[in-house]
Amino acid sequence: MIVAGFLFATMAVFVKLGSEHFAAAEMAMYRSLFSLLFVVGVARMTKGATLRTQFLGPHVMRSVIGSVSLMGYFYAITKLPVATANTLNYTSPIFLAIATTVVLGERFSNWLVVAIVLGFGGVALLLRPTFAAGTEGPAAIGLLSGIFSAWAYLSVRTLGRLGEPDWRVLFYFALVATLLSGAWTALTTSFHPVTWSTAWMLLGLGLCGTLAQLAMTRAYRTGNTLVVGAFSYTTILFTTIFTLVIWGGGIGWMEIAGMVIIATSGVLAMRVEKKEDVEEAGFES
């Protein structure tokens, strides 16, 4: 998940650069289309790989939910301050903790829940979201993107239990997301021409988004759900660092405190997981 966080933050840099040339809907479409072509290419070159699945229903559900979450997040970015949109989207680990316990019946240490809440507190302190009058609708959509993200991650966990590989999960998500974001683009905006001077932005966006999606899928498919959720906050940490390095600007004590809290939540989650693994191994022996 740390790898995914780094790659998602890198993708955000390309989104920021590309926003001067393309609409949010277009960038969502190009990102999904790159992922789709990438997975199809890898599948064709891999002996014995097949994109067919026995679990089409769960794949479609995960893909639609994830696509709606992605488009809701991009919409929120265009209507709200970036910090506010990111904070709303990163409520997903909290909703994921609730859903994992209620839906899957998994039980976690209370300290893991503390790590999740602590990490979100660090995000809020680092980004300091603001809500202007008249933004209730976009804010609600941003919050829904976080809820749908949690639902999508839960679906990834379910597909992992069914034995579905990461690249197949990504294929169906990319396929549905390309279709939905393409329709969104056609209905809401006009397509902007892709030139040599802008193609590298889309290429970077697609490559980083694809690799990040694969890493995130592997993390949620095989790892402890709440530990992965705690480490997902590293995306905000990396994004802040990249913003300071590339675009400059100062950093105050509240931002530093937010970074420290996010890092602390990850370390706490990791230590709790290791302790639980040791205790479980001792019990089994």
Protein backbone atom coordinates (compact mmCIF):
# COMPACT_ATOMS: atom_id res chain seq x y z
CA MET A 1 0.00 0.00 0.00
CA ILE A 2 2.95 2.34 0.55
CA VAL A 3 4.00 1.67 -3.06
CA ALA A 4 0.43 2.36 -4.18
CA GLY A 5 0.37 5.56 -2.12
CA PHE A 6 3.57 6.79 -3.77
CA LEU A 7 2.25 5.99 -7.25
CA PHE A 8 -1.17 7.56 -6.61
CA ALA A 9 0.59 10.71 -5.40
CA THR A 10 2.73 10.72 -8.56
CA MET A 11 -0.44 10.29 -10.60
CA ALA A 12 -1.92 13.31 -8.82
CA VAL A 13 1.02 15.39 -10.05
CA PHE A 14 0.19 14.42 -13.64
CA VAL A 15 -3.49 15.20 -12.99
CA LYS A 16 -2.53 18.65 -11.73
CA LEU A 17 -0.33 19.28 -14.79
CA GLY A 18 -2.93 17.88 -17.18
CA SER A 19 -5.80 19.91 -15.71
CA GLU A 20 -4.61 22.92 -17.71
CA HIS A 21 -5.22 21.02 -20.96
CA PHE A 22 -7.94 18.43 -20.26
CA ALA A 23 -11.21 18.20 -18.34
CA ALA A 24 -11.47 15.93 -15.30
CA ALA A 25 -13.75 13.54 -17.20
CA GLU A 26 -11.19 13.21 -19.99
CA MET A 27 -8.36 12.42 -17.60
CA ALA A 28 -10.46 9.79 -15.84
CA MET A 29 -11.20 8.22 -19.23
CA TYR A 30 -7.56 8.24 -20.41
CA ARG A 31 -6.38 6.76 -17.14
CA SER A 32 -8.90 3.92 -17.38
CA LEU A 33 -8.22 3.34 -21.09
CA PHE A 34 -4.47 3.04 -20.46
CA SER A 35 -5.12 0.47 -17.71
CA LEU A 36 -7.42 -1.48 -20.02
CA LEU A 37 -4.88 -1.64 -22.87
CA PHE A 38 -2.06 -2.44 -20.45
CA VAL A 39 -3.84 -5.40 -18.87
CA VAL A 40 -5.02 -6.77 -22.22
CA GLY A 41 -1.44 -6.55 -23.55
CA VAL A 42 0.02 -8.32 -20.52
CA ALA A 43 -2.66 -11.03 -20.67
CA ARG A 44 -1.93 -11.70 -24.34
CA MET A 45 1.81 -12.04 -23.68
CA THR A 46 1.35 -14.26 -20.62
CA LYS A 47 1.01 -17.95 -21.31
CA GLY A 48 -2.15 -19.47 -19.86
CA ALA A 49 -3.61 -16.11 -18.82
CA THR A 50 -7.28 -15.55 -19.53
CA LEU A 51 -9.58 -12.63 -18.91
CA ARG A 52 -12.61 -14.89 -18.62
CA THR A 53 -14.03 -15.35 -15.15
CA GLN A 54 -16.57 -17.49 -13.35
CA PHE A 55 -17.45 -14.55 -11.11
CA LEU A 56 -18.71 -11.94 -13.56
CA GLY A 57 -21.33 -10.59 -11.14
CA PRO A 58 -18.87 -9.65 -8.36
CA HIS A 59 -16.52 -8.15 -10.96
CA VAL A 60 -19.27 -5.98 -12.44
CA MET A 61 -20.36 -4.81 -9.00
CA ARG A 62 -16.80 -3.91 -7.97
CA SER A 63 -16.17 -2.18 -11.30
CA VAL A 64 -19.34 -0.07 -11.30
CA ILE A 65 -18.86 0.95 -7.67
CA GLY A 66 -15.20 1.80 -8.21
CA SER A 67 -15.98 3.76 -11.38
CA VAL A 68 -18.69 5.80 -9.68
CA SER A 69 -16.28 6.52 -6.82
CA LEU A 70 -13.56 7.60 -9.26
CA MET A 71 -15.88 9.93 -11.18
CA GLY A 72 -17.32 11.35 -7.96
CA TYR A 73 -13.81 12.10 -6.74
CA PHE A 74 -12.84 13.82 -9.99
CA TYR A 75 -16.09 15.82 -9.93
CA ALA A 76 -15.43 16.93 -6.34
CA ILE A 77 -11.95 18.09 -7.31
CA THR A 78 -13.41 20.35 -10.02
CA LYS A 79 -15.98 21.89 -7.65
CA LEU A 80 -14.17 22.02 -4.29
CA PRO A 81 -10.71 22.96 -3.07
CA VAL A 82 -8.38 20.02 -3.68
CA ALA A 83 -7.68 19.67 0.05
CA THR A 84 -11.40 19.42 0.82
CA ALA A 85 -12.04 16.87 -1.95
CA ASN A 86 -9.11 14.72 -0.79
CA THR A 87 -10.22 14.83 2.84
CA LEU A 88 -13.75 13.72 1.93
CA ASN A 89 -12.45 10.91 -0.30
CA TYR A 90 -10.09 9.66 2.41
CA THR A 91 -12.94 8.98 4.79
CA SER A 92 -13.00 5.61 2.97
CA PRO A 93 -10.79 3.73 5.51
CA ILE A 94 -13.22 4.66 8.29
CA PHE A 95 -16.21 3.39 6.32
CA LEU A 96 -14.13 0.35 5.34
CA ALA A 97 -13.48 -0.48 9.00
CA ILE A 98 -17.21 -0.36 9.69
CA ALA A 99 -18.16 -2.37 6.59
CA THR A 100 -15.51 -5.04 7.12
CA THR A 101 -16.79 -5.67 10.62
CA VAL A 102 -20.51 -5.56 9.75
CA VAL A 103 -20.47 -7.24 6.31
CA LEU A 104 -17.56 -9.68 6.49
CA GLY A 105 -17.81 -10.29 10.21
CA GLU A 106 -14.07 -9.79 10.74
CA ARG A 107 -12.88 -8.70 14.17
CA PHE A 108 -9.93 -6.40 14.69
CA SER A 109 -7.95 -5.02 17.58
CA ASN A 110 -9.30 -1.74 18.90
CA TRP A 111 -5.85 -0.29 18.30
CA LEU A 112 -6.28 -0.81 14.55
CA VAL A 113 -9.45 1.25 14.65
CA VAL A 114 -7.54 3.90 16.61
CA ALA A 115 -4.87 3.89 13.89
CA ILE A 116 -7.51 4.47 11.19
CA VAL A 117 -9.14 7.38 13.05
CA LEU A 118 -5.74 8.80 13.97
CA GLY A 119 -4.66 8.73 10.34
CA PHE A 120 -7.79 10.55 9.21
CA GLY A 121 -7.17 13.16 11.90
CA GLY A 122 -3.70 13.65 10.46
CA VAL A 123 -5.18 14.08 6.96
CA ALA A 124 -7.66 16.70 8.22
CA LEU A 125 -4.90 18.54 10.09
CA LEU A 126 -2.58 18.45 7.09
CA LEU A 127 -5.13 19.52 4.48
CA ARG A 128 -7.42 21.67 6.66
CA PRO A 129 -10.53 21.42 4.43
CA THR A 130 -12.84 24.39 4.03
CA PHE A 131 -16.50 24.44 3.01
CA ALA A 132 -17.88 27.52 1.30
CA ALA A 133 -21.56 28.32 1.09
CA GLY A 134 -23.34 26.63 -1.79
CA THR A 135 -20.95 23.65 -1.99
CA GLU A 136 -23.16 21.23 -0.11
CA GLY A 137 -23.92 19.21 -3.27
CA PRO A 138 -20.27 18.69 -4.38
CA ALA A 139 -19.29 18.00 -0.75
CA ALA A 140 -21.96 15.30 -0.52
CA ILE A 141 -20.68 13.75 -3.77
CA GLY A 142 -17.12 13.88 -2.41
CA LEU A 143 -18.23 12.10 0.74
CA LEU A 144 -20.11 9.51 -1.33
CA SER A 145 -16.91 8.89 -3.30
CA GLY A 146 -15.28 7.91 -0.02
CA ILE A 147 -18.16 5.60 0.89
CA PHE A 148 -18.11 3.98 -2.55
CA SER A 149 -14.32 3.59 -2.35
CA ALA A 150 -14.75 1.61 0.85
CA TRP A 151 -17.40 -0.53 -0.84
CA ALA A 152 -15.09 -1.12 -3.81
CA TYR A 153 -12.19 -2.16 -1.54
CA LEU A 154 -14.53 -4.56 0.24
CA SER A 155 -15.43 -6.06 -3.15
CA VAL A 156 -11.73 -6.46 -3.96
CA ARG A 157 -11.33 -8.36 -0.71
CA THR A 158 -14.23 -10.63 -1.70
CA LEU A 159 -12.76 -11.28 -5.16
CA GLY A 160 -9.45 -12.14 -3.53
CA ARG A 161 -11.17 -14.77 -1.43
CA LEU A 162 -12.62 -16.18 -4.64
CA GLY A 163 -9.09 -16.55 -6.04
CA GLU A 164 -9.29 -13.85 -8.71
CA PRO A 165 -5.83 -12.46 -9.69
CA ASP A 166 -5.02 -8.76 -9.41
CA TRP A 167 -4.75 -8.12 -13.15
CA ARG A 168 -8.18 -9.64 -13.84
CA VAL A 169 -9.77 -7.46 -11.17
CA LEU A 170 -8.11 -4.45 -12.77
CA PHE A 171 -9.24 -5.47 -16.27
CA TYR A 172 -12.95 -5.42 -15.48
CA PHE A 173 -12.62 -2.21 -13.48
CA ALA A 174 -10.72 -0.50 -16.32
CA LEU A 175 -13.26 -1.71 -18.89
CA VAL A 176 -16.28 -0.38 -17.01
CA ALA A 177 -14.50 2.83 -15.95
CA THR A 178 -13.48 3.55 -19.56
CA LEU A 179 -17.06 3.17 -20.77
CA LEU A 180 -18.62 5.23 -17.98
CA SER A 181 -16.01 8.01 -17.97
CA GLY A 182 -16.12 8.11 -21.78
CA ALA A 183 -19.89 8.61 -21.64
CA TRP A 184 -19.40 11.27 -18.94
CA THR A 185 -16.93 13.09 -21.19
CA ALA A 186 -19.21 12.93 -24.22
CA LEU A 187 -22.18 14.28 -22.25
CA THR A 188 -20.48 17.04 -20.28
CA THR A 189 -17.53 18.36 -22.28
CA SER A 190 -15.75 18.29 -25.63
CA PHE A 191 -12.64 16.25 -26.30
CA HIS A 192 -9.42 18.27 -26.35
CA PRO A 193 -6.72 17.38 -28.89
CA VAL A 194 -3.76 15.33 -27.68
CA THR A 195 -0.44 16.73 -28.87
CA TRP A 196 3.18 15.77 -28.34
CA SER A 197 3.43 18.46 -25.68
CA THR A 198 0.57 16.96 -23.63
CA ALA A 199 0.76 13.25 -24.43
CA TRP A 200 3.46 12.63 -21.82
CA MET A 201 1.11 13.89 -19.10
CA LEU A 202 -1.55 11.37 -20.09
CA LEU A 203 1.07 8.64 -20.38
CA GLY A 204 2.38 9.37 -16.89
CA LEU A 205 -1.16 9.57 -15.54
CA GLY A 206 -2.11 6.24 -17.07
CA LEU A 207 1.08 4.38 -16.14
CA CYS A 208 1.18 5.56 -12.52
CA GLY A 209 -2.56 5.01 -12.09
CA THR A 210 -2.35 1.49 -13.50
CA LEU A 211 0.60 0.39 -11.37
CA ALA A 212 -0.94 2.03 -8.31
CA GLN A 213 -4.22 0.22 -8.91
CA LEU A 214 -2.41 -3.11 -9.19
CA ALA A 215 -0.46 -2.49 -5.98
CA MET A 216 -3.58 -1.36 -4.12
CA THR A 217 -5.56 -4.36 -5.35
CA ARG A 218 -2.84 -6.72 -4.16
CA ALA A 219 -2.73 -4.97 -0.78
CA TYR A 220 -6.47 -5.17 -0.14
CA ARG A 221 -6.72 -8.67 -1.61
CA THR A 222 -4.04 -10.25 0.56
CA GLY A 223 -3.43 -7.94 3.51
CA ASN A 224 -5.15 -7.01 6.74
CA THR A 225 -7.91 -4.65 5.64
CA LEU A 226 -7.50 -2.06 8.41
CA VAL A 227 -3.71 -2.07 8.22
CA VAL A 228 -3.92 -1.41 4.48
CA GLY A 229 -6.49 1.31 5.14
CA ALA A 230 -4.15 3.01 7.62
CA PHE A 231 -1.29 2.97 5.11
CA SER A 232 -3.54 4.38 2.37
CA TYR A 233 -3.13 7.76 4.08
CA THR A 234 0.48 7.82 2.83
CA THR A 235 -0.94 9.01 -0.50
CA ILE A 236 -1.74 12.34 1.13
CA LEU A 237 1.71 12.42 2.72
CA PHE A 238 3.50 11.86 -0.59
CA THR A 239 1.18 14.29 -2.41
CA THR A 240 2.00 17.05 0.07
CA ILE A 241 5.73 16.45 -0.30
CA PHE A 242 5.51 16.47 -4.11
CA THR A 243 3.48 19.68 -4.03
CA LEU A 244 6.07 21.43 -1.86
CA VAL A 245 8.98 20.23 -4.01
CA ILE A 246 7.43 20.98 -7.43
CA TRP A 247 5.24 24.03 -6.82
CA GLY A 248 6.87 25.41 -3.71
CA GLY A 249 5.13 27.11 -0.82
CA GLY A 250 5.69 27.14 2.88
CA ILE A 251 4.86 24.53 5.48
CA GLY A 252 3.70 25.31 9.00
CA TRP A 253 3.59 23.41 12.24
CA MET A 254 0.08 22.12 11.59
CA GLU A 255 1.17 20.51 8.31
CA ILE A 256 4.20 18.97 10.01
CA ALA A 257 1.98 17.69 12.83
CA GLY A 258 -0.41 16.18 10.27
CA MET A 259 2.46 14.34 8.54
CA VAL A 260 3.76 13.01 11.85
CA ILE A 261 0.28 11.80 12.85
CA ILE A 262 -0.23 10.03 9.50
CA ALA A 263 3.16 8.31 9.80
CA THR A 264 2.37 7.37 13.42
CA SER A 265 -0.94 5.78 12.41
CA GLY A 266 0.88 3.59 9.88
CA VAL A 267 3.54 2.51 12.36
CA LEU A 268 0.86 1.77 14.98
CA ALA A 269 -1.14 -0.34 12.53
CA MET A 270 1.97 -2.27 11.49
CA ARG A 271 3.04 -2.96 15.09
CA VAL A 272 -0.46 -4.10 16.07
CA GLU A 273 -0.61 -6.46 13.07
CA LYS A 274 2.80 -7.97 13.92
CA LYS A 275 1.74 -8.45 17.53
CA GLU A 276 -1.49 -10.16 16.45
CA ASP A 277 0.42 -12.41 14.04
CA VAL A 278 2.82 -13.47 16.79
CA GLU A 279 -0.01 -14.16 19.21
CA GLU A 280 -1.91 -16.13 16.55
CA ALA A 281 1.18 -18.18 15.69
CA GLY A 282 1.75 -18.91 19.38
CA PHE A 283 -1.86 -19.98 19.81
CA GLU A 284 -1.72 -22.30 16.78
CA SER A 285 1.51 -23.91 17.97
